[in-house]
Amino acid sequence: MKAGSTPLYIAADNRYEDIVSTLIVAGAHINRVGRYGSAPLCIAAEKGHQDIVLALINAGVDISQVDEYRSTLLRIAARNGNEDMVSALINAGDGSTPLSIALENKHHDFVSTLINAGTDINQNNKNGSTPLHAAAIKGHQNIVSTLIRAGVDIHQTDNNGSTPLLVATIEGHEDIISTVIAAGTNIDLGGENGWTPLMVATRNGNYDSLSTLITTGAKINQPNKRGSISLFLAAEKGYKDVVLTLISARVDVNQVDKDGSTPLHIAVEKGHKDIVAILIAAGADINRAGRLGSTPLCIAAKKGYNGIVSTLISAGVDVNQAGDSGWTPLIYAARDRHQDIVVTLINAGVEINKANWGKLSPLYFAASNGHEVMVSTLISAGAHINFAIEVQNMRLINDELTPLCIAGEKGYENIVSALISAGADMNQTGQYGATSLYLAVIYGHQDTVYTLISAGADINQADKDGSTPLFIVAKNGHKDMVLILINAGADINQANKCGWTPLYVAAENDRQDIVSMLVGAGGNVNKASNVNAFEMNIGATPLYIACQKGHNNIVTTLIAAGANVNQPKYNDWTPLHIASKRGHNDTVSILIAAGASDVKGRESSFDFTGNCRPRKKAKLPDDATALYIAAECGRLNIVSMLLNAGADISTANNNDCTPLYAAAKNGHQEIVAKLISAGADVNEADRNGETPLYIAAENGHEDVVSTLTAAGTRIPLCAAVQYGYKDIVSTLVSAGADINQPSEDGSTTLCLAVEKGHKDIVTTLISAGADINLSDENGSTPLYIAARNGHKDIVSTLISAGADVNKADKGGSTPLCIAAEKGHTDILSSLISAGAAINQVSMGIA
């Protein structure tokens, strides 16, 4: 007994009719559903207790109830084949149609009962299937016949577009197929993808159904939505008898689907040799190309079906016909390592050197795949050894390769030897000038490198950028390969088109061991580059680039080998300049110890070796000494080192900017302090007359301003006022700046602050005693300027401080006049309230 069951449910379940009656009379809830969703009527119907079902119906039970599986009472009775109970439920008014359920369970008598009761025999279920579909799927021959006699629609389709004939064919119910055909169904009506019963029978290999459909007139050449006919399906599945039957029925053996394929293409693709032979004998076009250009022979060669290749050749196929992008059968066979097919095609007279559109030859693919036997086969057959090919976008190194190049790149030593023995040109290059040796070197194939060198390959032959094999491996850090090439006599100083030597790129990429090897072998430590489009390092030496990168061990090695520490590049920047700029402290220390100079190359008048003839303001073409650069870039430690080494603190750039100016401009307060302590002139101005304090104030560096003012610099208050630096203004005022001193254009600091609208600075200046009525060169007072520019709050501040509200400029215009002219109503009101003469006439207006 299920938990949660009522006494009425228990009695109905156990067929206790008397107890059921007693409970009903006593008022039991006849529709009460138990915990699991089933009512007494449902369990009675499920168990076949017809007397209890009738008792409940007579008591007024709800016959629309469903059980825990959502099955109606009529469906339950139909599923169990209880004809009497079905009749009782129908008479009681159940509106559901359980015909399909009865069909599925092969209750033939019950089907008749339902039909006689007026059930809709064409009614669809949720999948669109009718009772005839259900009977056809289950193979209920008698029921199918009954439905047909009752007038069922034999052409009605389900949601997938399938007819009863199609579903019967899918299930292989031959008797039903015959019955439905005899009833006059359309035997060529396909499903939603255009699949007809004949196609289904073909796919399933159902020879009997196939024969029945053909005999009754099925269209054997009718395609589905992909353009395939039944022969495609038979060829794909390898159904020999079906293929023969369709051919006997005069099927089109050269029918093309939407991909351009014929049944022969399909049979070859699947490797069905016997089907291929049958189709050829039936007249299949053996040279027909598919949509992508693939012929049956190309497909067979690619798949490795040597037997099919032989069959096609025996049938007279064109062995040289190319497919997509010019790929021949021999190229496919070579690429996919099918040695037997290569031999078969060669014996058939194939053009052995015919390449694809990218000029890739069969020998190239054999060499690329490391197939030694195939390479020998092709060479013996007359393949061109030095056939160069163009490969677009396939490699980073080069776009044009010979078989020897690709074998060298992949390290196939035996193939390299075979090609050399056959006369391969070891120095033949591709589009970017890469030889086989070049490729073997950069990919690290030492044995292949030894083979090529022993055979006489040019170890110094460069690519189109001028880079030799030694250059590339020095750059990439292949130490063992560098040693092999040096021992073989490689030119260690041969530079590329940029003038970079192997030593240069080794130094640039921090290859310490390789630098030592190259220096030991005689590498030129002072050979300079001639161009660098990325960093403009024209004229840079290995030492310069090592200093730029901060590779200190290499810097030490190069200096020990005699590198010129003062050799400049094109703009006369020396290693010391670049090390200072990049902030490489240890590098700078090494250079100073080695005697590096901090002035222009050959015109140097000061060095760090003890010889000192100071010459103030020596210029560099790009404006700076190492000390200037270090100060500008905020390199405090380097500034200290350079000062300790005796660098001239006053040497300025071409704009007369000193190191102190550069540090002040960029806000490097500690460096400013360091330079002041070292004796820098705090008042030395650039060619525009701007001092370090002025530029620091202009850029808002308050800490620098404090440091400079403390050092006694002349105070440029106007710069701080102009740019609104309140704190700097306060600092300068506290330091004793003249707040009423006019600027070069005659403006006072207060006028300037008002002009810019800096209210806080106006307040600061007034509090410090600025003359609030002092005019500029035009006679404009601070109040006049504030009224003109609409600065209401500043107008109020000035009035409160006692500004003369009626003082006119040189044109006779008063603050009230200018406020009226500019339309500043609120300022106008403030001025009037402060006693401005409202009838005073401006000379410029009267």
Foldseek 3Di string as FASTA:
>chain_A
DDPQDDPLLVCLLVVVQVVNVVCLVVPHDQADAGPLAAGSLQNNLLVVSQSSNVVSVVSPYDQQGAGSVRHGSLLSNLLVLPQVSNVVSVVSPDPDQNLLSNLLNLSQVSNVVSVVVPHDQCDADPQQDGSLLSNLLNLNLVNNVVCVVSPYDQCRATNQQDGSLQNNLLNPNLSVNVVSVVSPYDQLRATPQSQGSLLSNLLVVVVSNNVVCVVSPHDQCRATNQQDGSLLNNLLVLNPVSNVVSVVSVYDQARAGPQQDGSLLNNLLNLNQVSNLVSVVSPYDQQRATNQFDGSLLNNLLVLNQSNNVVSVVSPYDQCRAGHQRHGSLLSNLLNVNQSNNVVSVVSPYPQLRAGNQSQGSLLNNLLVLPQVSNVVSVVSPYDQQRKGAAPPPDPQARIDGSLQSNLLVLSQSSNVVSVVSPYDQQDAGPFRAGSLLNNLLNVNVSNNVVSVVSPHDQCRATNQQAGSLLNCLLVQPVVSNVVCVVSPYDQCRAGPQQAGSLLNNLLNLNLVSNLVSLVSPYDQQRFTQADVPPGQGRDGSLLSNLLVLSQSSNVVSVVSPYDQQRAGPQQDGSLQNNLLVLNLVSNVVSLVSWYAFAGRPPDQDILPPRHDDDAQHETNVWGTSLLSNLLNLNQSSNVVCVVSPHDQLHGTPQSQTSLLSNLLNLNQVNNLVSVVSPDDQCRATPVNAGSLLNNLLNLNQSNNLSSLVSPYQHDLLSNLLNLNQSNNLSSVVSPHDQQDADPQQHGSLLNNLLNLNQSNNVVSVVSPHDQCDAGPQQAGSLLSNLLVLNQVSNVVSLVSPYDQCRATPQQAGSLNNNVVNVNVSSNVVSVVSPYDPPRDGNVVD
